[in-house]
Amino acid sequence: MPHDSLTTAALTAPPTRLMRFATYAAVCTAIMLIVVKTVAFLITNSVALLSSLVDSVLDLFASLVTLWAVGHALTPADNEHRFGHGKAEPLSGLAQSAFVAGSAVLLLVEAASRINKDNQVESGDVGIGVMIFSIIVTLILVVFQKFVVKRTGSVAIGADSLHYTGDLLLNLSVIGALVLSTYGNVGWADPVFAIGIAFFLLWNASKIARKSVAVLMDHELPEKQRQAIKAVVLMHPKVLDVHELRTRSSGLQVFMQMHMVLDPKLSLLEAHRIADEVEMALMADYPGADIIIHQDPDGVEEFHQPVGSALA
């Protein structure tokens, strides 16, 4: 679905509203696909279609987790969570990867049990029609989710979008299995395609897990963003250098702290004013960011002990 087809309201909506709407859309889509795929499986008895049904059931669980995580992550910071609740998003990503991996293992067992059996697919045309419908609906959802991720950077919605993107390939492979089984009389195609889909799901789960762990472990922002942050700081005519830059993200929230080198002859009041100006410049690119700036006088040697080194 092209971006032009998105409503003006969606294009101009605040990031928080977009994130909530994306989670509701995913849950509704998953429920609709479960219903139509269940009916199609009962009619066709296709294990490849069963694999797609299982995946949609897990998509529903994952989307419900995302719904909870996004709602929790958007809760403002409180006295017990001074840094906000953004870590709920990568936690949901780990839960989603577990759902996907579990479904893949169950699917492998079911497909392997049918590999040497006479697998009769009935009413293959019904199954093919349902899968084409699933592709169209899923494609609309994925385009919208990617638009939301681009606007918000949401890890949870990004993980949700990853499985639905995988579903597009999965649905195409199910159509291939149904065509071969129905029109080519290739009985082994159905379970073999299902096994291939299971391995694809496992690979997908590992990608979601790796990205979630990176956020939970406070992985730095991409180097391109770090360099852009330094460039903004150094644009101020009175900033001589910047070092000890540390960055991380948590949901929509970005955290950064740095040491900024200034002329030692500046007054404390002037140094404070410069730091405020740099902070405002950074906030233009990272609205709502939590920024800590330490002012260093030029020429004064400092020892910066790596975080956690005293605990080693």
C-alpha atoms as a PDB file:
ATOM      1  CA  MET A   1       0.000   0.000   0.000  1.00  0.00           C
ATOM      2  CA  PRO A   2       1.629   3.322  -1.022  1.00  0.00           C
ATOM      3  CA  HIS A   3       2.080   6.012   1.608  1.00  0.00           C
ATOM      4  CA  ASP A   4      -0.329   8.247  -0.317  1.00  0.00           C
ATOM      5  CA  SER A   5      -3.157   5.958   0.725  1.00  0.00           C
ATOM      6  CA  LEU A   6      -2.484   6.598   4.402  1.00  0.00           C
ATOM      7  CA  THR A   7      -4.854   9.142   5.816  1.00  0.00           C
ATOM      8  CA  THR A   8      -3.737  12.695   6.512  1.00  0.00           C
ATOM      9  CA  ALA A   9      -4.580  12.073  10.165  1.00  0.00           C
ATOM     10  CA  ALA A  10      -2.125   9.160  10.312  1.00  0.00           C
ATOM     11  CA  LEU A  11       0.630  11.154   8.597  1.00  0.00           C
ATOM     12  CA  THR A  12       0.321  14.040  11.036  1.00  0.00           C
ATOM     13  CA  ALA A  13      -0.538  12.102  14.204  1.00  0.00           C
ATOM     14  CA  PRO A  14       1.801  12.349  17.222  1.00  0.00           C
ATOM     15  CA  PRO A  15       4.276   9.425  17.558  1.00  0.00           C
ATOM     16  CA  THR A  16       2.529   8.065  20.672  1.00  0.00           C
ATOM     17  CA  ARG A  17      -0.843   7.920  18.924  1.00  0.00           C
ATOM     18  CA  LEU A  18       0.704   6.288  15.864  1.00  0.00           C
ATOM     19  CA  MET A  19       2.311   3.605  18.035  1.00  0.00           C
ATOM     20  CA  ARG A  20      -0.946   2.778  19.796  1.00  0.00           C
ATOM     21  CA  PHE A  21      -2.868   2.662  16.524  1.00  0.00           C
ATOM     22  CA  ALA A  22      -0.239   0.341  14.994  1.00  0.00           C
ATOM     23  CA  THR A  23      -0.629  -2.115  17.881  1.00  0.00           C
ATOM     24  CA  TYR A  24      -4.437  -2.144  17.557  1.00  0.00           C
ATOM     25  CA  ALA A  25      -4.138  -2.697  13.793  1.00  0.00           C
ATOM     26  CA  ALA A  26      -1.791  -5.657  14.319  1.00  0.00           C
ATOM     27  CA  VAL A  27      -4.093  -7.350  16.847  1.00  0.00           C
ATOM     28  CA  CYS A  28      -7.167  -6.940  14.625  1.00  0.00           C
ATOM     29  CA  THR A  29      -5.276  -8.226  11.583  1.00  0.00           C
ATOM     30  CA  ALA A  30      -4.029 -11.306  13.447  1.00  0.00           C
ATOM     31  CA  ILE A  31      -7.535 -12.180  14.696  1.00  0.00           C
ATOM     32  CA  MET A  32      -8.999 -11.871  11.199  1.00  0.00           C
ATOM     33  CA  LEU A  33      -6.269 -14.054   9.647  1.00  0.00           C
ATOM     34  CA  ILE A  34      -6.645 -16.725  12.348  1.00  0.00           C
ATOM     35  CA  VAL A  35     -10.347 -17.048  11.572  1.00  0.00           C
ATOM     36  CA  VAL A  36      -9.963 -17.387   7.794  1.00  0.00           C
ATOM     37  CA  LYS A  37      -6.923 -19.700   8.037  1.00  0.00           C
ATOM     38  CA  THR A  38      -8.655 -21.982  10.545  1.00  0.00           C
ATOM     39  CA  VAL A  39     -11.577 -22.432   8.163  1.00  0.00           C
ATOM     40  CA  ALA A  40      -9.188 -23.014   5.253  1.00  0.00           C
ATOM     41  CA  PHE A  41      -7.139 -25.616   7.181  1.00  0.00           C
ATOM     42  CA  LEU A  42     -10.269 -27.565   8.158  1.00  0.00           C
ATOM     43  CA  ILE A  43     -11.255 -27.638   4.486  1.00  0.00           C
ATOM     44  CA  THR A  44      -7.834 -28.441   2.960  1.00  0.00           C
ATOM     45  CA  ASN A  45      -5.975 -30.470   5.652  1.00  0.00           C
ATOM     46  CA  SER A  46      -2.737 -28.827   4.452  1.00  0.00           C
ATOM     47  CA  VAL A  47       0.164 -28.890   6.923  1.00  0.00           C
ATOM     48  CA  ALA A  48       1.752 -25.939   5.106  1.00  0.00           C
ATOM     49  CA  LEU A  49      -1.433 -23.970   5.681  1.00  0.00           C
ATOM     50  CA  LEU A  50      -1.409 -25.212   9.276  1.00  0.00           C
ATOM     51  CA  SER A  51       2.071 -23.707   9.609  1.00  0.00           C
ATOM     52  CA  SER A  52       0.710 -20.361   8.479  1.00  0.00           C
ATOM     53  CA  LEU A  53      -2.200 -20.686  10.932  1.00  0.00           C
ATOM     54  CA  VAL A  54       0.172 -21.472  13.818  1.00  0.00           C
ATOM     55  CA  ASP A  55       2.265 -18.469  12.850  1.00  0.00           C
ATOM     56  CA  SER A  56      -0.818 -16.223  12.864  1.00  0.00           C
ATOM     57  CA  VAL A  57      -1.809 -17.496  16.334  1.00  0.00           C
ATOM     58  CA  LEU A  58       1.667 -16.599  17.577  1.00  0.00           C
ATOM     59  CA  ASP A  59       1.458 -13.276  15.777  1.00  0.00           C
ATOM     60  CA  LEU A  60      -1.646 -12.573  17.843  1.00  0.00           C
ATOM     61  CA  PHE A  61       0.140 -13.397  21.106  1.00  0.00           C
ATOM     62  CA  ALA A  62       3.128 -11.312  19.996  1.00  0.00           C
ATOM     63  CA  SER A  63       0.916  -8.391  18.979  1.00  0.00           C
ATOM     64  CA  LEU A  64      -0.875  -8.526  22.342  1.00  0.00           C
ATOM     65  CA  VAL A  65       2.510  -8.405  24.073  1.00  0.00           C
ATOM     66  CA  THR A  66       3.435  -5.453  21.853  1.00  0.00           C
ATOM     67  CA  LEU A  67       0.156  -3.755  22.752  1.00  0.00           C
ATOM     68  CA  TRP A  68       1.014  -4.080  26.444  1.00  0.00           C
ATOM     69  CA  ALA A  69       4.661  -3.098  25.946  1.00  0.00           C
ATOM     70  CA  VAL A  70       3.941   0.014  23.906  1.00  0.00           C
ATOM     71  CA  GLY A  71       1.276   1.147  26.380  1.00  0.00           C
ATOM     72  CA  HIS A  72       3.684   0.598  29.266  1.00  0.00           C
ATOM     73  CA  ALA A  73       6.663   2.156  27.480  1.00  0.00           C
ATOM     74  CA  LEU A  74       4.684   5.341  26.816  1.00  0.00           C
ATOM     75  CA  THR A  75       3.933   5.755  30.533  1.00  0.00           C
ATOM     76  CA  PRO A  76       5.796   8.839  31.824  1.00  0.00           C
ATOM     77  CA  ALA A  77       8.681   8.408  34.258  1.00  0.00           C
ATOM     78  CA  ASP A  78       7.703   8.155  37.919  1.00  0.00           C
ATOM     79  CA  ASN A  79       9.435   8.112  41.312  1.00  0.00           C
ATOM     80  CA  GLU A  80      10.335   4.434  40.967  1.00  0.00           C
ATOM     81  CA  HIS A  81      11.328   4.569  37.281  1.00  0.00           C
ATOM     82  CA  ARG A  82      13.255   7.795  36.833  1.00  0.00           C
ATOM     83  CA  PHE A  83      14.449   6.782  33.355  1.00  0.00           C
ATOM     84  CA  GLY A  84      10.942   5.939  32.160  1.00  0.00           C
ATOM     85  CA  HIS A  85       9.486   2.586  31.095  1.00  0.00           C
ATOM     86  CA  GLY A  86      11.003   2.251  27.632  1.00  0.00           C
ATOM     87  CA  LYS A  87      12.690  -1.097  28.393  1.00  0.00           C
ATOM     88  CA  ALA A  88       9.237  -2.693  28.214  1.00  0.00           C
ATOM     89  CA  GLU A  89       9.613  -2.630  24.414  1.00  0.00           C
ATOM     90  CA  PRO A  90      12.735  -4.825  24.084  1.00  0.00           C
ATOM     91  CA  LEU A  91      11.348  -7.114  26.798  1.00  0.00           C
ATOM     92  CA  SER A  92       8.322  -7.674  24.579  1.00  0.00           C
ATOM     93  CA  GLY A  93      10.694  -8.328  21.687  1.00  0.00           C
ATOM     94  CA  LEU A  94      12.295 -11.174  23.648  1.00  0.00           C
ATOM     95  CA  ALA A  95       8.855 -12.598  24.423  1.00  0.00           C
ATOM     96  CA  GLN A  96       7.962 -12.393  20.740  1.00  0.00           C
ATOM     97  CA  SER A  97      11.148 -14.211  19.711  1.00  0.00           C
ATOM     98  CA  ALA A  98      10.294 -16.976  22.192  1.00  0.00           C
ATOM     99  CA  PHE A  99       6.779 -17.290  20.711  1.00  0.00           C
ATOM    100  CA  VAL A 100       8.158 -17.501  17.177  1.00  0.00           C
ATOM    101  CA  ALA A 101      10.880 -20.029  18.089  1.00  0.00           C
ATOM    102  CA  GLY A 102       8.389 -22.215  19.953  1.00  0.00           C
ATOM    103  CA  SER A 103       6.026 -22.280  16.993  1.00  0.00           C
ATOM    104  CA  ALA A 104       8.877 -23.234  14.677  1.00  0.00           C
ATOM    105  CA  VAL A 105       9.821 -26.232  16.820  1.00  0.00           C
ATOM    106  CA  LEU A 106       6.212 -27.467  17.007  1.00  0.00           C
ATOM    107  CA  LEU A 107       5.867 -27.034  13.261  1.00  0.00           C
ATOM    108  CA  LEU A 108       9.057 -29.027  12.622  1.00  0.00           C
ATOM    109  CA  VAL A 109       7.695 -31.919  14.679  1.00  0.00           C
ATOM    110  CA  GLU A 110       4.336 -31.910  12.871  1.00  0.00           C
ATOM    111  CA  ALA A 111       5.889 -31.607   9.395  1.00  0.00           C
ATOM    112  CA  ALA A 112       8.470 -34.327  10.085  1.00  0.00           C
ATOM    113  CA  SER A 113       5.699 -36.706  11.168  1.00  0.00           C
ATOM    114  CA  ARG A 114       4.055 -36.300   7.740  1.00  0.00           C
ATOM    115  CA  ILE A 115       7.141 -36.440   5.550  1.00  0.00           C
ATOM    116  CA  ASN A 116       6.763 -40.117   4.591  1.00  0.00           C
ATOM    117  CA  LYS A 117       2.989 -40.233   4.605  1.00  0.00           C
ATOM    118  CA  ASP A 118       0.488 -39.804   1.820  1.00  0.00           C
ATOM    119  CA  ASN A 119      -0.440 -36.164   2.356  1.00  0.00           C
ATOM    120  CA  GLN A 120      -3.735 -35.478   0.667  1.00  0.00           C
ATOM    121  CA  VAL A 121      -4.554 -31.804   0.235  1.00  0.00           C
ATOM    122  CA  GLU A 122      -8.227 -31.213  -0.406  1.00  0.00           C
ATOM    123  CA  SER A 123      -9.863 -28.152  -1.988  1.00  0.00           C
ATOM    124  CA  GLY A 124      -6.495 -26.570  -2.679  1.00  0.00           C
ATOM    125  CA  ASP A 125      -8.163 -23.674  -4.486  1.00  0.00           C
ATOM    126  CA  VAL A 126      -9.753 -22.564  -1.213  1.00  0.00           C
ATOM    127  CA  GLY A 127      -6.393 -22.578   0.518  1.00  0.00           C
ATOM    128  CA  ILE A 128      -4.733 -20.631  -2.313  1.00  0.00           C
ATOM    129  CA  GLY A 129      -7.485 -18.007  -2.236  1.00  0.00           C
ATOM    130  CA  VAL A 130      -7.162 -17.602   1.524  1.00  0.00           C
ATOM    131  CA  MET A 131      -3.392 -17.196   1.285  1.00  0.00           C
ATOM    132  CA  ILE A 132      -3.715 -14.528  -1.422  1.00  0.00           C
ATOM    133  CA  PHE A 133      -6.156 -12.671   0.841  1.00  0.00           C
ATOM    134  CA  SER A 134      -3.673 -13.047   3.733  1.00  0.00           C
ATOM    135  CA  ILE A 135      -0.861 -11.585   1.641  1.00  0.00           C
ATOM    136  CA  ILE A 136      -2.898  -8.508   0.726  1.00  0.00           C
ATOM    137  CA  VAL A 137      -3.998  -7.845   4.322  1.00  0.00           C
ATOM    138  CA  THR A 138      -0.511  -8.471   5.732  1.00  0.00           C
ATOM    139  CA  LEU A 139       1.119  -6.219   3.125  1.00  0.00           C
ATOM    140  CA  ILE A 140      -1.162  -3.325   4.108  1.00  0.00           C
ATOM    141  CA  LEU A 141      -0.274  -3.842   7.784  1.00  0.00           C
ATOM    142  CA  VAL A 142       3.489  -4.113   7.137  1.00  0.00           C
ATOM    143  CA  VAL A 143       3.591  -0.892   5.097  1.00  0.00           C
ATOM    144  CA  PHE A 144       1.796   0.956   7.892  1.00  0.00           C
ATOM    145  CA  GLN A 145       4.043  -0.574  10.589  1.00  0.00           C
ATOM    146  CA  LYS A 146       7.207   0.416   8.705  1.00  0.00           C
ATOM    147  CA  PHE A 147       5.852   3.946   8.387  1.00  0.00           C
ATOM    148  CA  VAL A 148       5.258   4.029  12.161  1.00  0.00           C
ATOM    149  CA  VAL A 149       8.728   2.619  12.918  1.00  0.00           C
ATOM    150  CA  LYS A 150      10.292   5.256  10.661  1.00  0.00           C
ATOM    151  CA  ARG A 151       8.414   7.984  12.549  1.00  0.00           C
ATOM    152  CA  THR A 152       8.953   6.609  16.075  1.00  0.00           C
ATOM    153  CA  GLY A 153      11.883   4.162  16.103  1.00  0.00           C
ATOM    154  CA  SER A 154       9.772   1.738  18.181  1.00  0.00           C
ATOM    155  CA  VAL A 155      11.624  -1.540  18.867  1.00  0.00           C
ATOM    156  CA  ALA A 156       8.448  -3.435  19.762  1.00  0.00           C
ATOM    157  CA  ILE A 157       6.566  -2.403  16.618  1.00  0.00           C
ATOM    158  CA  GLY A 158       9.715  -3.048  14.591  1.00  0.00           C
ATOM    159  CA  ALA A 159       9.831  -6.593  15.968  1.00  0.00           C
ATOM    160  CA  ASP A 160       6.133  -7.042  15.239  1.00  0.00           C
ATOM    161  CA  SER A 161       6.664  -5.772  11.700  1.00  0.00           C
ATOM    162  CA  LEU A 162       9.538  -8.226  11.265  1.00  0.00           C
ATOM    163  CA  HIS A 163       7.314 -11.218  11.808  1.00  0.00           C
ATOM    164  CA  TYR A 164       4.582  -9.896   9.559  1.00  0.00           C
ATOM    165  CA  THR A 165       7.180  -9.221   6.860  1.00  0.00           C
ATOM    166  CA  GLY A 166       8.274 -12.829   7.265  1.00  0.00           C
ATOM    167  CA  ASP A 167       4.631 -13.838   6.927  1.00  0.00           C
ATOM    168  CA  LEU A 168       4.592 -12.458   3.384  1.00  0.00           C
ATOM    169  CA  LEU A 169       7.306 -14.940   2.369  1.00  0.00           C
ATOM    170  CA  LEU A 170       5.684 -17.668   4.435  1.00  0.00           C
ATOM    171  CA  ASN A 171       2.330 -17.145   2.707  1.00  0.00           C
ATOM    172  CA  LEU A 172       3.971 -17.254  -0.726  1.00  0.00           C
ATOM    173  CA  SER A 173       5.642 -20.550   0.152  1.00  0.00           C
ATOM    174  CA  VAL A 174       2.320 -21.959   1.373  1.00  0.00           C
ATOM    175  CA  ILE A 175       0.777 -21.060  -1.992  1.00  0.00           C
ATOM    176  CA  GLY A 176       3.672 -22.878  -3.695  1.00  0.00           C
ATOM    177  CA  ALA A 177       3.086 -25.974  -1.566  1.00  0.00           C
ATOM    178  CA  LEU A 178      -0.657 -25.934  -2.267  1.00  0.00           C
ATOM    179  CA  VAL A 179      -0.124 -25.515  -6.020  1.00  0.00           C
ATOM    180  CA  LEU A 180       2.358 -28.420  -6.148  1.00  0.00           C
ATOM    181  CA  SER A 181       0.168 -30.657  -4.001  1.00  0.00           C
ATOM    182  CA  THR A 182      -3.102 -29.813  -5.743  1.00  0.00           C
ATOM    183  CA  TYR A 183      -2.079 -29.532  -9.380  1.00  0.00           C
ATOM    184  CA  GLY A 184       1.273 -31.337  -9.500  1.00  0.00           C
ATOM    185  CA  ASN A 185       0.282 -34.265  -7.272  1.00  0.00           C
ATOM    186  CA  VAL A 186       3.571 -33.795  -5.361  1.00  0.00           C
ATOM    187  CA  GLY A 187       2.628 -35.170  -1.954  1.00  0.00           C
ATOM    188  CA  TRP A 188       5.922 -34.408  -0.243  1.00  0.00           C
ATOM    189  CA  ALA A 189       5.791 -30.698  -1.136  1.00  0.00           C
ATOM    190  CA  ASP A 190       3.394 -29.821   1.678  1.00  0.00           C
ATOM    191  CA  PRO A 191       5.513 -31.066   4.652  1.00  0.00           C
ATOM    192  CA  VAL A 192       8.827 -30.073   3.019  1.00  0.00           C
ATOM    193  CA  PHE A 193       7.656 -26.501   2.537  1.00  0.00           C
ATOM    194  CA  ALA A 194       6.442 -26.504   6.142  1.00  0.00           C
ATOM    195  CA  ILE A 195       9.919 -27.547   7.357  1.00  0.00           C
ATOM    196  CA  GLY A 196      11.485 -24.743   5.321  1.00  0.00           C
ATOM    197  CA  ILE A 197       9.039 -22.280   6.863  1.00  0.00           C
ATOM    198  CA  ALA A 198       9.930 -23.526  10.348  1.00  0.00           C
ATOM    199  CA  PHE A 199      13.631 -22.832   9.803  1.00  0.00           C
ATOM    200  CA  PHE A 200      12.754 -19.403   8.440  1.00  0.00           C
ATOM    201  CA  LEU A 201      10.782 -18.686  11.623  1.00  0.00           C
ATOM    202  CA  LEU A 202      13.756 -19.720  13.769  1.00  0.00           C
ATOM    203  CA  TRP A 203      16.009 -17.337  11.850  1.00  0.00           C
ATOM    204  CA  ASN A 204      13.434 -14.578  12.271  1.00  0.00           C
ATOM    205  CA  ALA A 205      13.244 -15.237  16.023  1.00  0.00           C
ATOM    206  CA  SER A 206      17.013 -14.915  16.365  1.00  0.00           C
ATOM    207  CA  LYS A 207      16.957 -11.506  14.637  1.00  0.00           C
ATOM    208  CA  ILE A 208      14.255 -10.201  16.988  1.00  0.00           C
ATOM    209  CA  ALA A 209      16.114 -11.535  20.036  1.00  0.00           C
ATOM    210  CA  ARG A 210      19.457  -9.995  19.026  1.00  0.00           C
ATOM    211  CA  LYS A 211      17.926  -6.555  18.490  1.00  0.00           C
ATOM    212  CA  SER A 212      16.044  -6.711  21.805  1.00  0.00           C
ATOM    213  CA  VAL A 213      19.128  -7.778  23.757  1.00  0.00           C
ATOM    214  CA  ALA A 214      21.125  -4.925  22.207  1.00  0.00           C
ATOM    215  CA  VAL A 215      18.640  -2.368  23.588  1.00  0.00           C
ATOM    216  CA  LEU A 216      18.416  -4.081  26.996  1.00  0.00           C
ATOM    217  CA  MET A 217      22.221  -4.057  27.238  1.00  0.00           C
ATOM    218  CA  ASP A 218      22.302  -0.294  26.498  1.00  0.00           C
ATOM    219  CA  HIS A 219      23.997  -0.696  23.148  1.00  0.00           C
ATOM    220  CA  GLU A 220      25.304   2.573  21.724  1.00  0.00           C
ATOM    221  CA  LEU A 221      23.354   4.401  19.051  1.00  0.00           C
ATOM    222  CA  PRO A 222      24.618   3.657  15.511  1.00  0.00           C
ATOM    223  CA  GLU A 223      27.992   5.261  14.752  1.00  0.00           C
ATOM    224  CA  LYS A 224      26.419   7.493  12.120  1.00  0.00           C
ATOM    225  CA  GLN A 225      24.142   8.999  14.783  1.00  0.00           C
ATOM    226  CA  ARG A 226      27.027   9.385  17.226  1.00  0.00           C
ATOM    227  CA  GLN A 227      29.037  11.302  14.644  1.00  0.00           C
ATOM    228  CA  ALA A 228      25.995  13.478  13.895  1.00  0.00           C
ATOM    229  CA  ILE A 229      25.657  14.279  17.617  1.00  0.00           C
ATOM    230  CA  LYS A 230      29.321  15.285  17.813  1.00  0.00           C
ATOM    231  CA  ALA A 231      28.930  17.454  14.718  1.00  0.00           C
ATOM    232  CA  VAL A 232      26.018  19.344  16.288  1.00  0.00           C
ATOM    233  CA  VAL A 233      28.034  19.964  19.479  1.00  0.00           C
ATOM    234  CA  LEU A 234      31.113  21.154  17.576  1.00  0.00           C
ATOM    235  CA  MET A 235      29.024  23.582  15.511  1.00  0.00           C
ATOM    236  CA  HIS A 236      28.932  25.905  18.520  1.00  0.00           C
ATOM    237  CA  PRO A 237      31.774  28.408  17.995  1.00  0.00           C
ATOM    238  CA  LYS A 238      32.951  28.255  21.623  1.00  0.00           C
ATOM    239  CA  VAL A 239      33.116  24.456  21.897  1.00  0.00           C
ATOM    240  CA  LEU A 240      36.689  23.291  21.365  1.00  0.00           C
ATOM    241  CA  ASP A 241      36.146  19.536  21.528  1.00  0.00           C
ATOM    242  CA  VAL A 242      33.797  16.820  22.753  1.00  0.00           C
ATOM    243  CA  HIS A 243      34.700  13.438  24.215  1.00  0.00           C
ATOM    244  CA  GLU A 244      33.384  10.670  26.491  1.00  0.00           C
ATOM    245  CA  LEU A 245      30.161  10.583  24.484  1.00  0.00           C
ATOM    246  CA  ARG A 246      27.830   7.867  25.751  1.00  0.00           C
ATOM    247  CA  THR A 247      24.456   7.149  24.175  1.00  0.00           C
ATOM    248  CA  ARG A 248      21.637   4.668  24.504  1.00  0.00           C
ATOM    249  CA  SER A 249      17.935   4.397  23.772  1.00  0.00           C
ATOM    250  CA  SER A 250      14.946   3.137  25.712  1.00  0.00           C
ATOM    251  CA  GLY A 251      11.694   3.084  23.769  1.00  0.00           C
ATOM    252  CA  LEU A 252      11.197   6.533  22.257  1.00  0.00           C
ATOM    253  CA  GLN A 253      13.604   8.048  24.776  1.00  0.00           C
ATOM    254  CA  VAL A 254      17.232   8.772  23.824  1.00  0.00           C
ATOM    255  CA  PHE A 255      19.870   9.299  26.505  1.00  0.00           C
ATOM    256  CA  MET A 256      23.236  10.948  25.901  1.00  0.00           C
ATOM    257  CA  GLN A 257      26.002  12.299  28.082  1.00  0.00           C
ATOM    258  CA  MET A 258      29.306  13.889  27.115  1.00  0.00           C
ATOM    259  CA  HIS A 259      32.274  15.993  28.182  1.00  0.00           C
ATOM    260  CA  MET A 260      32.528  19.318  26.329  1.00  0.00           C
ATOM    261  CA  VAL A 261      35.878  21.163  26.224  1.00  0.00           C
ATOM    262  CA  LEU A 262      35.713  24.957  26.695  1.00  0.00           C
ATOM    263  CA  ASP A 263      38.115  27.862  27.172  1.00  0.00           C
ATOM    264  CA  PRO A 264      39.274  27.765  30.833  1.00  0.00           C
ATOM    265  CA  LYS A 265      38.938  31.551  31.039  1.00  0.00           C
ATOM    266  CA  LEU A 266      35.165  31.417  30.657  1.00  0.00           C
ATOM    267  CA  SER A 267      33.053  32.133  33.712  1.00  0.00           C
ATOM    268  CA  LEU A 268      30.894  29.389  35.194  1.00  0.00           C
ATOM    269  CA  LEU A 269      27.809  31.314  34.092  1.00  0.00           C
ATOM    270  CA  GLU A 270      29.083  31.544  30.491  1.00  0.00           C
ATOM    271  CA  ALA A 271      30.018  27.841  30.416  1.00  0.00           C
ATOM    272  CA  HIS A 272      26.539  26.997  31.672  1.00  0.00           C
ATOM    273  CA  ARG A 273      24.949  29.167  28.966  1.00  0.00           C
ATOM    274  CA  ILE A 274      26.989  27.435  26.235  1.00  0.00           C
ATOM    275  CA  ALA A 275      25.981  24.001  27.537  1.00  0.00           C
ATOM    276  CA  ASP A 276      22.311  25.078  27.443  1.00  0.00           C
ATOM    277  CA  GLU A 277      22.686  26.267  23.839  1.00  0.00           C
ATOM    278  CA  VAL A 278      24.291  22.985  22.796  1.00  0.00           C
ATOM    279  CA  GLU A 279      21.554  21.050  24.576  1.00  0.00           C
ATOM    280  CA  MET A 280      18.847  23.004  22.727  1.00  0.00           C
ATOM    281  CA  ALA A 281      20.596  22.315  19.400  1.00  0.00           C
ATOM    282  CA  LEU A 282      20.655  18.578  20.164  1.00  0.00           C
ATOM    283  CA  MET A 283      17.007  18.635  21.248  1.00  0.00           C
ATOM    284  CA  ALA A 284      16.072  19.921  17.787  1.00  0.00           C
ATOM    285  CA  ASP A 285      17.233  16.557  16.356  1.00  0.00           C
ATOM    286  CA  TYR A 286      16.269  14.426  19.377  1.00  0.00           C
ATOM    287  CA  PRO A 287      13.094  15.910  20.917  1.00  0.00           C
ATOM    288  CA  GLY A 288      12.655  14.861  24.527  1.00  0.00           C
ATOM    289  CA  ALA A 289      16.191  13.449  24.797  1.00  0.00           C
ATOM    290  CA  ASP A 290      17.773  13.227  28.247  1.00  0.00           C
ATOM    291  CA  ILE A 291      21.111  15.079  27.856  1.00  0.00           C
ATOM    292  CA  ILE A 292      23.880  15.493  30.439  1.00  0.00           C
ATOM    293  CA  ILE A 293      26.816  17.755  29.542  1.00  0.00           C
ATOM    294  CA  HIS A 294      29.951  18.069  31.662  1.00  0.00           C
ATOM    295  CA  GLN A 295      32.124  21.126  30.948  1.00  0.00           C
ATOM    296  CA  ASP A 296      35.885  20.524  30.846  1.00  0.00           C
ATOM    297  CA  PRO A 297      38.404  23.409  30.852  1.00  0.00           C
ATOM    298  CA  ASP A 298      40.854  23.068  27.958  1.00  0.00           C
ATOM    299  CA  GLY A 299      44.354  21.882  28.925  1.00  0.00           C
ATOM    300  CA  VAL A 300      43.379  20.212  32.212  1.00  0.00           C
ATOM    301  CA  GLU A 301      44.251  16.512  32.287  1.00  0.00           C
ATOM    302  CA  GLU A 302      41.510  14.163  33.382  1.00  0.00           C
ATOM    303  CA  PHE A 303      41.269  10.498  34.227  1.00  0.00           C
ATOM    304  CA  HIS A 304      38.082   8.843  33.003  1.00  0.00           C
ATOM    305  CA  GLN A 305      37.578   5.458  34.613  1.00  0.00           C
ATOM    306  CA  PRO A 306      35.571   3.095  32.358  1.00  0.00           C
ATOM    307  CA  VAL A 307      32.107   2.325  33.717  1.00  0.00           C
ATOM    308  CA  GLY A 308      32.178  -0.825  35.819  1.00  0.00           C
ATOM    309  CA  SER A 309      35.959  -1.161  35.847  1.00  0.00           C
ATOM    310  CA  ALA A 310      36.092  -0.760  39.633  1.00  0.00           C
ATOM    311  CA  LEU A 311      33.812  -3.806  39.959  1.00  0.00           C
ATOM    312  CA  ALA A 312      36.075  -6.099  37.931  1.00  0.00           C
END
